[in-house]
Amino acid sequence: MHSDQPPRFSLRQLSYLLTAARLGTISAAAAELHVSSSAISDAITALEHQLDAHLCIRKKAHGLVLTAAGRQVAARAQTLLAEANELERELTPVDGELVGPITIGCYPTLAPMILPVLLADFGQQHPRVSLEIVETPQDRLAGKLESGEIDVAFVYETLVPGTPNRARLFAQPAHVILSPDDPFAEAETVRLEDLVDRDMILLDSPPSSQHTLTMFHDRGLDPHVRYRTTSYEVVRTLVARGLGYGVLVQRQKNPASYEGYPLVVKEIEPAVEPVAVEVIWPSGVEVSARVQALIDFALDVDWDRRQNGD
């Protein structure tokens, strides 16, 4: 039998056996558990049949005594019931307090902005909720959401496969990053037409790569990609070194690259359509109270103010 397949017996049957053994009689166990004596007796008989083992000796005059097999089962049952009760305590709200795990999926470039708010602020409000993080490319997040590996995800609105529930958090347009020595570093804005024949450092991670290339293609342009990288910080570092320009959506308050070299941010002219950031969660299933609380919290955050540093 695989470890993820359920056993043929139940925790309730084990509980009935332990209680009857502790109290010495089925009638005493029935009184303590507020069930009928026949329910206790039938449960123990069914457990013996399912385990193919004689677990106890039942005599009217002497009560109930465990056999050697019964004592072995009882010892393991105590551990199983203790772990089950602990699991129930971990997941059961007390006086309205949310408890239990939430696995959060997040597109990597969004993680530095989204996750600190959730882990610090939401975590402080709900200390008994355990927040786990899964950072993965956006095309893999949807599958993890559908399979139940993650409970909720924070993504760009583009290229979200399937039909998950979704709600918009904020939107921002793409921008161009340049080194201070770039010929367009002093310009107020830049045109994609001015960049198309120059070297681009492409953030090659869906949906960022598709979004960037589509912006050019929609204007009949075919950019020259010099380097591709799946790392947001590598794009910024190579641009700061003067090896090309970059087009990014996520904005940083830090004006320097990972190495400390300065960067210049320029808006695109004419303006490009903003890209929305969304929270998505599985459709067709009822989410837990703690997951719904996280979604509501994210929707209440003033992300625009945080982006502007206010």
Protein backbone atom coordinates (compact mmCIF):
# COMPACT_ATOMS: atom_id res chain seq x y z
CA MET A 1 0.00 0.00 0.00
CA HIS A 2 1.27 3.45 -0.91
CA SER A 3 1.87 5.86 2.00
CA ASP A 4 -0.75 8.28 0.65
CA GLN A 5 -3.54 5.67 0.61
CA PRO A 6 -5.88 5.63 3.64
CA PRO A 7 -5.80 2.64 6.02
CA ARG A 8 -8.81 0.32 6.26
CA PHE A 9 -9.39 1.31 9.89
CA SER A 10 -10.26 4.67 11.44
CA LEU A 11 -8.95 6.81 14.26
CA ARG A 12 -12.36 6.48 15.93
CA GLN A 13 -11.94 2.69 16.10
CA LEU A 14 -8.51 3.11 17.69
CA SER A 15 -9.94 5.61 20.16
CA TYR A 16 -12.70 3.20 21.18
CA LEU A 17 -10.17 0.40 21.72
CA LEU A 18 -7.88 2.61 23.84
CA THR A 19 -10.73 3.91 25.98
CA ALA A 20 -12.15 0.42 26.59
CA ALA A 21 -8.70 -0.88 27.50
CA ARG A 22 -8.03 2.03 29.85
CA LEU A 23 -11.38 1.74 31.64
CA GLY A 24 -11.47 -2.04 31.56
CA THR A 25 -15.01 -2.48 30.22
CA ILE A 26 -16.94 -1.65 27.09
CA SER A 27 -19.82 -0.24 29.13
CA ALA A 28 -17.53 2.19 30.94
CA ALA A 29 -16.02 3.30 27.63
CA ALA A 30 -19.51 3.78 26.20
CA ALA A 31 -20.50 5.94 29.16
CA GLU A 32 -17.38 8.13 28.88
CA LEU A 33 -17.67 8.56 25.12
CA HIS A 34 -21.46 9.00 25.17
CA VAL A 35 -22.09 6.24 22.65
CA SER A 36 -23.80 2.87 22.92
CA SER A 37 -21.98 -0.25 24.13
CA SER A 38 -22.83 -1.94 20.84
CA ALA A 39 -21.09 0.90 18.93
CA ILE A 40 -17.91 0.31 20.95
CA SER A 41 -18.11 -3.46 20.55
CA ASP A 42 -18.82 -3.29 16.82
CA ALA A 43 -15.94 -0.86 16.27
CA ILE A 44 -13.45 -3.12 18.06
CA THR A 45 -14.71 -6.18 16.18
CA ALA A 46 -14.38 -4.36 12.86
CA LEU A 47 -10.85 -3.22 13.80
CA GLU A 48 -9.85 -6.79 14.58
CA HIS A 49 -11.24 -7.94 11.24
CA GLN A 50 -9.47 -5.17 9.31
CA LEU A 51 -6.13 -5.85 11.02
CA ASP A 52 -6.66 -9.61 10.95
CA ALA A 53 -5.62 -9.80 14.61
CA HIS A 54 -7.24 -10.75 17.91
CA LEU A 55 -6.82 -7.56 19.96
CA CYS A 56 -8.63 -8.20 23.21
CA ILE A 57 -10.37 -10.73 25.40
CA ARG A 58 -13.91 -9.74 26.37
CA LYS A 59 -15.45 -11.48 29.37
CA LYS A 60 -18.51 -10.27 31.21
CA ALA A 61 -17.08 -11.08 34.62
CA HIS A 62 -13.56 -9.81 33.98
CA GLY A 63 -14.14 -6.97 31.54
CA LEU A 64 -11.79 -6.33 28.62
CA VAL A 65 -8.09 -7.25 28.52
CA LEU A 66 -5.74 -6.57 25.63
CA THR A 67 -3.82 -9.39 23.97
CA ALA A 68 -0.18 -9.07 22.96
CA ALA A 69 -1.28 -7.86 19.53
CA GLY A 70 -3.75 -5.51 21.19
CA ARG A 71 -1.03 -3.96 23.34
CA GLN A 72 1.09 -3.41 20.21
CA VAL A 73 -1.81 -1.75 18.43
CA ALA A 74 -2.65 0.34 21.50
CA ALA A 75 0.92 1.65 21.76
CA ARG A 76 0.94 2.77 18.13
CA ALA A 77 -2.62 4.09 18.41
CA GLN A 78 -1.66 6.43 21.25
CA THR A 79 0.97 8.05 19.02
CA LEU A 80 -1.39 8.29 16.05
CA LEU A 81 -4.17 9.85 18.11
CA ALA A 82 -1.78 12.28 19.80
CA GLU A 83 -0.50 13.46 16.39
CA ALA A 84 -4.04 13.72 15.01
CA ASN A 85 -5.15 15.78 18.00
CA GLU A 86 -2.11 18.03 17.62
CA LEU A 87 -2.91 18.50 13.92
CA GLU A 88 -6.48 19.44 14.82
CA ARG A 89 -5.25 21.98 17.37
CA GLU A 90 -2.90 23.49 14.79
CA LEU A 91 -5.68 23.94 12.24
CA THR A 92 -8.68 24.75 14.40
CA PRO A 93 -9.37 28.46 15.10
CA VAL A 94 -9.68 29.45 18.75
CA ASP A 95 -11.88 32.45 19.54
CA GLY A 96 -11.80 33.45 15.88
CA GLU A 97 -8.00 33.35 15.65
CA LEU A 98 -6.78 32.05 12.29
CA VAL A 99 -4.38 29.12 12.37
CA GLY A 100 -2.70 26.80 9.90
CA PRO A 101 -0.44 26.96 6.85
CA ILE A 102 -0.72 29.06 3.69
CA THR A 103 1.60 28.40 0.76
CA ILE A 104 2.12 31.56 -1.29
CA GLY A 105 3.31 31.42 -4.89
CA CYS A 106 5.00 34.48 -6.34
CA TYR A 107 6.66 35.48 -9.59
CA PRO A 108 10.32 36.14 -8.62
CA THR A 109 10.54 39.81 -9.66
CA LEU A 110 7.40 40.61 -7.66
CA ALA A 111 8.64 38.82 -4.56
CA PRO A 112 10.78 41.67 -3.13
CA MET A 113 7.77 43.98 -3.08
CA ILE A 114 4.88 41.61 -2.32
CA LEU A 115 6.32 39.11 0.14
CA PRO A 116 7.76 41.45 2.81
CA VAL A 117 4.34 43.05 3.28
CA LEU A 118 2.61 39.70 3.62
CA LEU A 119 5.21 38.04 5.82
CA ALA A 120 5.67 41.01 8.15
CA ASP A 121 2.31 42.76 8.30
CA PHE A 122 -0.13 39.90 7.72
CA GLY A 123 2.11 37.60 9.74
CA GLN A 124 2.01 40.02 12.67
CA GLN A 125 -1.79 40.20 12.54
CA HIS A 126 -2.13 36.41 12.41
CA PRO A 127 0.82 34.89 14.30
CA ARG A 128 -0.63 31.35 14.28
CA VAL A 129 -0.80 31.29 10.49
CA SER A 130 2.31 29.69 8.98
CA LEU A 131 3.30 31.33 5.69
CA GLU A 132 5.37 29.32 3.21
CA ILE A 133 6.87 30.75 0.01
CA VAL A 134 7.21 29.27 -3.47
CA GLU A 135 9.02 31.46 -6.01
CA THR A 136 8.75 30.10 -9.53
CA PRO A 137 8.28 31.32 -13.12
CA GLN A 138 4.73 32.35 -13.83
CA ASP A 139 4.04 29.55 -16.31
CA ARG A 140 4.60 27.01 -13.54
CA LEU A 141 2.59 28.78 -10.87
CA ALA A 142 -0.79 27.98 -12.42
CA GLY A 143 -0.11 24.24 -12.37
CA LYS A 144 0.94 24.38 -8.75
CA LEU A 145 -2.22 26.31 -7.96
CA GLU A 146 -4.47 23.76 -9.67
CA SER A 147 -2.72 20.82 -8.00
CA GLY A 148 -3.04 22.37 -4.55
CA GLU A 149 0.71 22.79 -4.03
CA ILE A 150 0.12 26.50 -3.44
CA ASP A 151 -2.97 28.21 -2.02
CA VAL A 152 -2.66 31.65 -3.60
CA ALA A 153 -0.30 33.34 -6.05
CA PHE A 154 0.84 36.85 -6.94
CA VAL A 155 1.48 37.27 -10.66
CA TYR A 156 1.39 39.61 -13.62
CA GLU A 157 -1.94 39.58 -15.42
CA THR A 158 -0.44 38.40 -18.69
CA LEU A 159 -0.17 34.74 -19.59
CA VAL A 160 -2.11 33.26 -16.67
CA PRO A 161 -3.34 29.91 -18.01
CA GLY A 162 -6.61 28.35 -16.92
CA THR A 163 -9.46 30.16 -15.23
CA PRO A 164 -8.42 30.90 -11.65
CA ASN A 165 -10.18 33.46 -9.52
CA ARG A 166 -8.30 36.72 -9.87
CA ALA A 167 -8.30 40.26 -8.50
CA ARG A 168 -6.16 43.25 -9.47
CA LEU A 169 -3.80 44.78 -6.92
CA PHE A 170 -2.13 47.55 -8.95
CA ALA A 171 -0.74 48.30 -12.40
CA GLN A 172 2.42 49.92 -13.72
CA PRO A 173 3.91 50.50 -17.20
CA ALA A 174 7.21 49.13 -18.39
CA HIS A 175 10.21 51.44 -18.32
CA VAL A 176 13.71 51.51 -19.78
CA ILE A 177 16.87 51.34 -17.69
CA LEU A 178 20.16 52.79 -18.93
CA SER A 179 23.64 53.39 -17.66
CA PRO A 180 24.45 57.06 -16.86
CA ASP A 181 26.85 57.10 -19.83
CA ASP A 182 24.16 56.10 -22.31
CA PRO A 183 23.43 58.67 -25.06
CA PHE A 184 19.79 58.79 -23.96
CA ALA A 185 20.56 59.15 -20.24
CA GLU A 186 19.78 62.87 -20.34
CA ALA A 187 16.58 62.54 -22.40
CA GLU A 188 13.25 63.05 -20.64
CA THR A 189 11.79 59.97 -22.29
CA VAL A 190 12.90 57.33 -24.79
CA ARG A 191 11.21 55.84 -27.84
CA LEU A 192 11.42 52.15 -28.64
CA GLU A 193 12.33 53.15 -32.20
CA ASP A 194 15.48 54.78 -30.82
CA LEU A 195 16.49 51.59 -29.05
CA VAL A 196 15.63 48.88 -31.55
CA ASP A 197 19.07 48.65 -33.22
CA ARG A 198 20.98 48.81 -29.97
CA ASP A 199 21.94 45.94 -27.64
CA MET A 200 19.18 44.78 -25.30
CA ILE A 201 19.62 42.81 -22.08
CA LEU A 202 16.42 40.74 -22.03
CA LEU A 203 14.79 39.44 -18.86
CA ASP A 204 14.07 36.03 -20.35
CA SER A 205 11.45 34.72 -17.94
CA PRO A 206 7.78 34.38 -18.90
CA PRO A 207 5.76 36.54 -19.02
CA SER A 208 8.38 39.33 -18.91
CA SER A 209 10.15 38.26 -22.10
CA GLN A 210 6.91 37.94 -24.09
CA HIS A 211 5.65 41.27 -22.82
CA THR A 212 8.87 43.11 -23.72
CA LEU A 213 9.16 41.64 -27.19
CA THR A 214 5.47 42.20 -27.90
CA MET A 215 5.84 45.91 -27.11
CA PHE A 216 8.41 46.16 -29.90
CA HIS A 217 6.59 43.87 -32.33
CA ASP A 218 3.34 45.84 -31.92
CA ARG A 219 5.24 48.82 -33.33
CA GLY A 220 6.74 46.80 -36.17
CA LEU A 221 10.14 46.62 -34.47
CA ASP A 222 12.53 43.70 -33.99
CA PRO A 223 14.94 44.44 -31.12
CA HIS A 224 18.51 43.21 -31.07
CA VAL A 225 18.91 40.99 -28.00
CA ARG A 226 22.55 40.76 -26.94
CA TYR A 227 22.13 38.82 -23.69
CA ARG A 228 19.29 36.86 -22.12
CA THR A 229 19.01 36.15 -18.41
CA THR A 230 16.31 34.88 -16.10
CA SER A 231 17.59 37.14 -13.32
CA TYR A 232 16.13 40.59 -12.76
CA GLU A 233 19.26 41.71 -10.91
CA VAL A 234 21.56 40.44 -13.67
CA VAL A 235 19.69 42.62 -16.18
CA ARG A 236 20.23 45.66 -13.97
CA THR A 237 23.88 44.77 -13.35
CA LEU A 238 24.73 44.32 -17.05
CA VAL A 239 22.92 47.53 -17.99
CA ALA A 240 24.77 49.45 -15.27
CA ARG A 241 28.02 48.12 -16.78
CA GLY A 242 27.06 49.72 -20.09
CA LEU A 243 26.50 46.44 -21.95
CA GLY A 244 23.05 47.40 -23.22
CA TYR A 245 19.65 48.69 -22.17
CA GLY A 246 16.89 46.87 -20.33
CA VAL A 247 13.11 46.99 -20.30
CA LEU A 248 11.50 46.14 -16.98
CA VAL A 249 8.14 46.51 -15.28
CA GLN A 250 9.03 46.07 -11.64
CA ARG A 251 10.52 49.26 -10.19
CA GLN A 252 13.09 49.53 -7.44
CA LYS A 253 13.70 52.40 -5.08
CA ASN A 254 17.40 51.55 -5.11
CA PRO A 255 18.91 53.47 -8.08
CA ALA A 256 22.03 51.30 -8.20
CA SER A 257 22.82 47.83 -9.47
CA TYR A 258 23.85 44.87 -7.33
CA GLU A 259 27.49 45.96 -7.76
CA GLY A 260 26.68 49.53 -6.77
CA TYR A 261 26.89 51.09 -10.22
CA PRO A 262 24.23 53.76 -10.89
CA LEU A 263 21.24 53.25 -13.19
CA VAL A 264 18.95 55.69 -14.97
CA VAL A 265 15.23 55.04 -15.36
CA LYS A 266 13.37 56.45 -18.37
CA GLU A 267 9.68 56.37 -19.26
CA ILE A 268 8.72 55.12 -22.72
CA GLU A 269 7.19 57.52 -25.23
CA PRO A 270 4.52 57.10 -26.43
CA ALA A 271 3.28 55.53 -23.22
CA VAL A 272 2.81 51.77 -23.16
CA GLU A 273 -0.12 49.94 -21.62
CA PRO A 274 0.41 49.32 -17.87
CA VAL A 275 0.76 45.74 -16.71
CA ALA A 276 -1.45 44.71 -13.81
CA VAL A 277 -0.32 42.66 -10.85
CA GLU A 278 -2.95 40.24 -9.62
CA VAL A 279 -3.65 37.83 -6.83
CA ILE A 280 -5.04 34.53 -8.10
CA TRP A 281 -6.50 31.53 -6.30
CA PRO A 282 -8.20 28.28 -7.38
CA SER A 283 -11.66 28.45 -8.89
CA GLY A 284 -14.36 25.92 -8.12
CA VAL A 285 -13.19 25.31 -4.55
CA GLU A 286 -13.93 27.07 -1.29
CA VAL A 287 -10.77 28.53 0.17
CA SER A 288 -10.09 28.35 3.89
CA ALA A 289 -10.77 31.30 6.16
CA ARG A 290 -7.05 31.99 6.54
CA VAL A 291 -6.46 32.06 2.76
CA GLN A 292 -9.46 34.35 2.28
CA ALA A 293 -8.07 36.63 4.99
CA LEU A 294 -4.74 36.81 3.13
CA ILE A 295 -6.51 37.68 -0.14
CA ASP A 296 -8.57 40.38 1.59
CA PHE A 297 -5.45 41.76 3.24
CA ALA A 298 -3.61 41.98 -0.08
CA LEU A 299 -6.55 43.79 -1.68
CA ASP A 300 -6.60 46.35 1.14
CA VAL A 301 -2.91 47.26 0.83
CA ASP A 302 -2.21 50.59 -0.87
CA TRP A 303 0.39 49.20 -3.24
CA ASP A 304 0.68 52.43 -5.25
CA ARG A 305 1.65 54.37 -2.11
CA ARG A 306 4.23 51.73 -1.22
CA GLN A 307 5.64 51.89 -4.73
CA ASN A 308 6.04 55.64 -4.48
CA GLY A 309 7.74 55.34 -1.11
CA ASP A 310 5.13 57.34 0.82
